[in-house]
Amino acid sequence: MAPVSPRHHALAALGALVVAWFSAAPALAAAADPAAARIEAFDRSLLAVMKEGPALGPEGRYRKLAPVVADAFDLPLMTRVAIGPSWTSFSAVDQAALVKAFAKLSTASYAHNFDRFNGERFEVEPTVQSRGPDKVVQSHLTPSSGAPVALTYRMRLSGGTWKIVDVLYGSVSQLTNRRSDFAAPLAAGGAKGLLTHLDTVSDKLLR
């Protein structure tokens, strides 16, 4: 057999590198955009908690997810938008309390709804749309059986980092739902009435 030349080895190595690069490209495409990479990181954290879900219990899942949600979402902005015009009439103390209560509700919702792992997977689409100052990241939650659920994340720069400012489940906006849900307690009791409502709902989710 003829000896293999160093040039042949170099070409073979280069060829292997090119194949590896193009094989990895689909997985890396989404992560190349910083907004999409944030969603991928959030999904990974959510899946990790789901896999430990039953053992952790509601409170354990809440504790694990609290820093994840705080890091991924612009909770102060979402609180202001969900409350609407009434926000500007509240004191700074009430505003801070409402942001904290909104964060608790957001985390409790994830702890309640993503309580176990049954073979689900998240897929983030590599194409990210720009809409004014925002980016829109499309994702799908695919269960072990049944149709995928479309998850659309609207994101905005906050402190130099892309953060989630709304989530659409199919065509339903989370912030629109929150604003509708908050209207009655706000009208009846102002900031204090809404705080009571938020804490009540969060506590029910964590039972």
Protein backbone atom coordinates (compact mmCIF):
# COMPACT_ATOMS: atom_id res chain seq x y z
CA MET A 1 0.00 0.00 0.00
CA ALA A 2 1.37 3.43 -0.90
CA PRO A 3 2.26 5.68 2.05
CA VAL A 4 -0.18 8.45 2.87
CA SER A 5 1.32 11.89 2.38
CA PRO A 6 1.14 14.66 5.01
CA ARG A 7 -0.83 16.69 2.45
CA HIS A 8 -3.43 13.93 2.27
CA HIS A 9 -3.72 13.93 6.07
CA ALA A 10 -4.20 17.71 6.07
CA LEU A 11 -6.92 17.56 3.41
CA ALA A 12 -8.71 14.76 5.26
CA ALA A 13 -8.62 16.75 8.49
CA LEU A 14 -9.92 19.83 6.71
CA GLY A 15 -12.71 17.81 5.14
CA ALA A 16 -13.73 16.40 8.52
CA LEU A 17 -13.76 19.91 9.98
CA VAL A 18 -16.00 21.19 7.18
CA VAL A 19 -18.42 18.28 7.65
CA ALA A 20 -18.53 18.86 11.41
CA TRP A 21 -19.16 22.58 10.90
CA PHE A 22 -22.09 22.10 8.55
CA SER A 23 -23.51 19.29 10.68
CA ALA A 24 -23.49 21.60 13.71
CA ALA A 25 -24.80 24.65 11.85
CA PRO A 26 -28.54 24.04 12.45
CA ALA A 27 -28.03 23.71 16.20
CA LEU A 28 -25.87 26.81 16.33
CA ALA A 29 -28.03 29.00 14.12
CA ALA A 30 -30.47 30.05 16.82
CA ALA A 31 -27.74 30.66 19.38
CA ALA A 32 -25.97 33.01 16.96
CA ASP A 33 -28.63 35.64 17.73
CA PRO A 34 -28.36 36.87 21.34
CA ALA A 35 -32.13 37.09 21.77
CA ALA A 36 -32.62 33.50 20.58
CA ALA A 37 -29.72 32.35 22.75
CA ARG A 38 -31.50 33.79 25.79
CA ILE A 39 -34.60 31.73 24.99
CA GLU A 40 -32.50 28.59 24.50
CA ALA A 41 -30.90 29.14 27.91
CA PHE A 42 -34.30 29.68 29.51
CA ASP A 43 -35.65 26.50 27.90
CA ARG A 44 -32.68 24.48 29.17
CA SER A 45 -33.25 25.71 32.72
CA LEU A 46 -36.96 24.98 32.48
CA LEU A 47 -36.34 21.43 31.24
CA ALA A 48 -33.85 20.79 34.05
CA VAL A 49 -36.45 21.77 36.65
CA MET A 50 -39.14 19.72 34.89
CA LYS A 51 -36.93 16.62 35.11
CA GLU A 52 -36.69 17.11 38.88
CA GLY A 53 -40.25 18.35 39.15
CA PRO A 54 -42.04 15.74 41.28
CA ALA A 55 -39.10 15.39 43.66
CA LEU A 56 -38.78 19.16 44.10
CA GLY A 57 -42.49 19.80 44.66
CA PRO A 58 -44.14 23.19 43.99
CA GLU A 59 -42.01 25.17 46.45
CA GLY A 60 -38.78 23.51 45.30
CA ARG A 61 -39.56 24.23 41.66
CA TYR A 62 -40.40 27.81 42.61
CA ARG A 63 -37.04 28.31 44.36
CA LYS A 64 -35.15 26.88 41.40
CA LEU A 65 -37.04 28.94 38.84
CA ALA A 66 -37.14 32.29 40.67
CA PRO A 67 -33.61 33.41 39.61
CA VAL A 68 -34.16 31.97 36.10
CA VAL A 69 -37.37 33.96 35.57
CA ALA A 70 -35.84 37.13 37.06
CA ASP A 71 -32.89 36.81 34.68
CA ALA A 72 -34.90 36.05 31.54
CA PHE A 73 -37.83 38.48 31.91
CA ASP A 74 -38.04 42.27 32.20
CA LEU A 75 -40.41 41.97 35.15
CA PRO A 76 -40.58 45.71 36.04
CA LEU A 77 -41.60 46.61 32.48
CA MET A 78 -44.10 43.76 32.28
CA THR A 79 -45.66 44.82 35.58
CA ARG A 80 -46.12 48.41 34.36
CA VAL A 81 -47.64 47.31 31.07
CA ALA A 82 -49.96 44.77 32.70
CA ILE A 83 -51.26 47.37 35.18
CA GLY A 84 -51.65 50.16 32.64
CA PRO A 85 -52.34 53.86 33.32
CA SER A 86 -52.98 53.30 37.05
CA TRP A 87 -49.26 52.59 37.52
CA THR A 88 -48.24 56.25 37.54
CA SER A 89 -50.64 57.04 40.40
CA PHE A 90 -49.05 54.49 42.77
CA SER A 91 -46.36 55.33 45.30
CA ALA A 92 -42.81 54.07 44.78
CA VAL A 93 -43.34 51.65 47.68
CA ASP A 94 -46.49 50.21 46.08
CA GLN A 95 -44.78 49.98 42.69
CA ALA A 96 -41.88 48.00 44.16
CA ALA A 97 -44.29 45.70 45.98
CA LEU A 98 -46.28 45.12 42.78
CA VAL A 99 -43.15 44.22 40.79
CA LYS A 100 -42.20 41.73 43.49
CA ALA A 101 -45.72 40.24 43.53
CA PHE A 102 -45.79 40.07 39.72
CA ALA A 103 -42.44 38.25 39.76
CA LYS A 104 -43.83 35.77 42.30
CA LEU A 105 -46.90 35.15 40.14
CA SER A 106 -44.80 34.67 36.99
CA THR A 107 -42.49 32.18 38.71
CA ALA A 108 -45.36 30.36 40.43
CA SER A 109 -47.09 29.95 37.06
CA TYR A 110 -44.04 28.22 35.57
CA ALA A 111 -43.56 26.10 38.70
CA HIS A 112 -47.20 24.99 38.47
CA ASN A 113 -47.48 24.46 34.71
CA PHE A 114 -44.10 22.81 34.11
CA ASP A 115 -44.17 20.37 37.00
CA ARG A 116 -42.74 17.23 35.37
CA PHE A 117 -40.91 15.91 32.33
CA ASN A 118 -42.65 13.55 29.90
CA GLY A 119 -40.30 13.66 26.94
CA GLU A 120 -41.09 17.23 25.90
CA ARG A 121 -38.61 19.24 23.89
CA PHE A 122 -38.21 22.91 23.03
CA GLU A 123 -37.12 24.09 19.59
CA VAL A 124 -36.10 27.68 18.89
CA GLU A 125 -36.36 28.83 15.28
CA PRO A 126 -33.12 30.32 13.92
CA THR A 127 -34.83 33.26 12.16
CA VAL A 128 -35.37 36.16 14.56
CA GLN A 129 -37.61 39.04 13.49
CA SER A 130 -36.98 42.68 14.37
CA ARG A 131 -39.96 44.89 15.17
CA GLY A 132 -38.88 48.40 16.05
CA PRO A 133 -36.74 48.18 19.20
CA ASP A 134 -37.88 44.60 19.84
CA LYS A 135 -36.98 41.16 18.59
CA VAL A 136 -39.44 38.31 18.14
CA VAL A 137 -38.22 34.79 18.79
CA GLN A 138 -40.34 31.85 17.67
CA SER A 139 -40.20 28.60 19.64
CA HIS A 140 -42.18 25.38 19.89
CA LEU A 141 -42.87 23.08 22.79
CA THR A 142 -43.29 19.59 21.40
CA PRO A 143 -44.87 17.04 23.75
CA SER A 144 -44.08 13.31 23.57
CA SER A 145 -47.40 12.93 21.75
CA GLY A 146 -49.71 15.47 20.20
CA ALA A 147 -49.24 18.71 18.29
CA PRO A 148 -46.49 21.22 19.12
CA VAL A 149 -47.44 24.39 20.99
CA ALA A 150 -46.24 27.66 19.45
CA LEU A 151 -44.47 30.00 21.87
CA THR A 152 -43.59 33.47 20.63
CA TYR A 153 -41.30 35.65 22.75
CA ARG A 154 -41.20 39.42 22.35
CA MET A 155 -37.86 40.69 23.62
CA ARG A 156 -36.29 44.06 24.34
CA LEU A 157 -32.87 45.27 25.38
CA SER A 158 -32.62 46.02 29.09
CA GLY A 159 -29.27 46.96 30.56
CA GLY A 160 -27.54 45.66 27.45
CA THR A 161 -29.27 42.26 27.67
CA TRP A 162 -32.20 40.91 25.68
CA LYS A 163 -35.09 40.16 28.01
CA ILE A 164 -38.59 38.77 27.50
CA VAL A 165 -41.36 41.39 27.66
CA ASP A 166 -44.28 39.23 26.51
CA VAL A 167 -45.05 35.61 25.65
CA LEU A 168 -47.70 34.52 23.17
CA TYR A 169 -49.11 31.04 23.61
CA GLY A 170 -50.40 30.42 20.11
CA SER A 171 -51.96 33.83 19.41
CA VAL A 172 -52.77 34.71 23.04
CA SER A 173 -50.63 37.40 24.70
CA GLN A 174 -49.70 36.76 28.32
CA LEU A 175 -49.59 40.49 29.05
CA THR A 176 -53.04 41.03 27.53
CA ASN A 177 -54.41 38.26 29.74
CA ARG A 178 -52.72 39.71 32.80
CA ARG A 179 -54.10 43.18 32.11
CA SER A 180 -57.61 41.78 31.79
CA ASP A 181 -57.21 39.75 34.98
CA PHE A 182 -55.87 42.74 36.93
CA ALA A 183 -58.65 45.14 35.92
CA ALA A 184 -61.25 44.11 38.52
CA PRO A 185 -58.99 44.03 41.61
CA LEU A 186 -57.44 47.34 40.53
CA ALA A 187 -60.85 48.98 40.15
CA ALA A 188 -62.03 47.63 43.49
CA GLY A 189 -58.96 48.16 45.64
CA GLY A 190 -56.22 49.99 43.79
CA ALA A 191 -52.63 48.90 44.41
CA LYS A 192 -53.45 47.14 47.70
CA GLY A 193 -56.34 45.26 46.10
CA LEU A 194 -54.12 44.07 43.25
CA LEU A 195 -51.37 43.01 45.67
CA THR A 196 -53.85 40.87 47.58
CA HIS A 197 -55.09 39.34 44.33
CA LEU A 198 -51.56 38.54 43.09
CA ASP A 199 -50.55 36.91 46.36
CA THR A 200 -53.77 34.85 46.49
CA VAL A 201 -53.32 33.53 42.95
CA SER A 202 -49.62 32.77 43.49
CA ASP A 203 -50.32 30.88 46.72
CA LYS A 204 -52.97 28.74 44.99
CA LEU A 205 -50.52 27.84 42.22
CA LEU A 206 -47.94 26.69 44.73
CA ARG A 207 -50.21 24.33 46.68
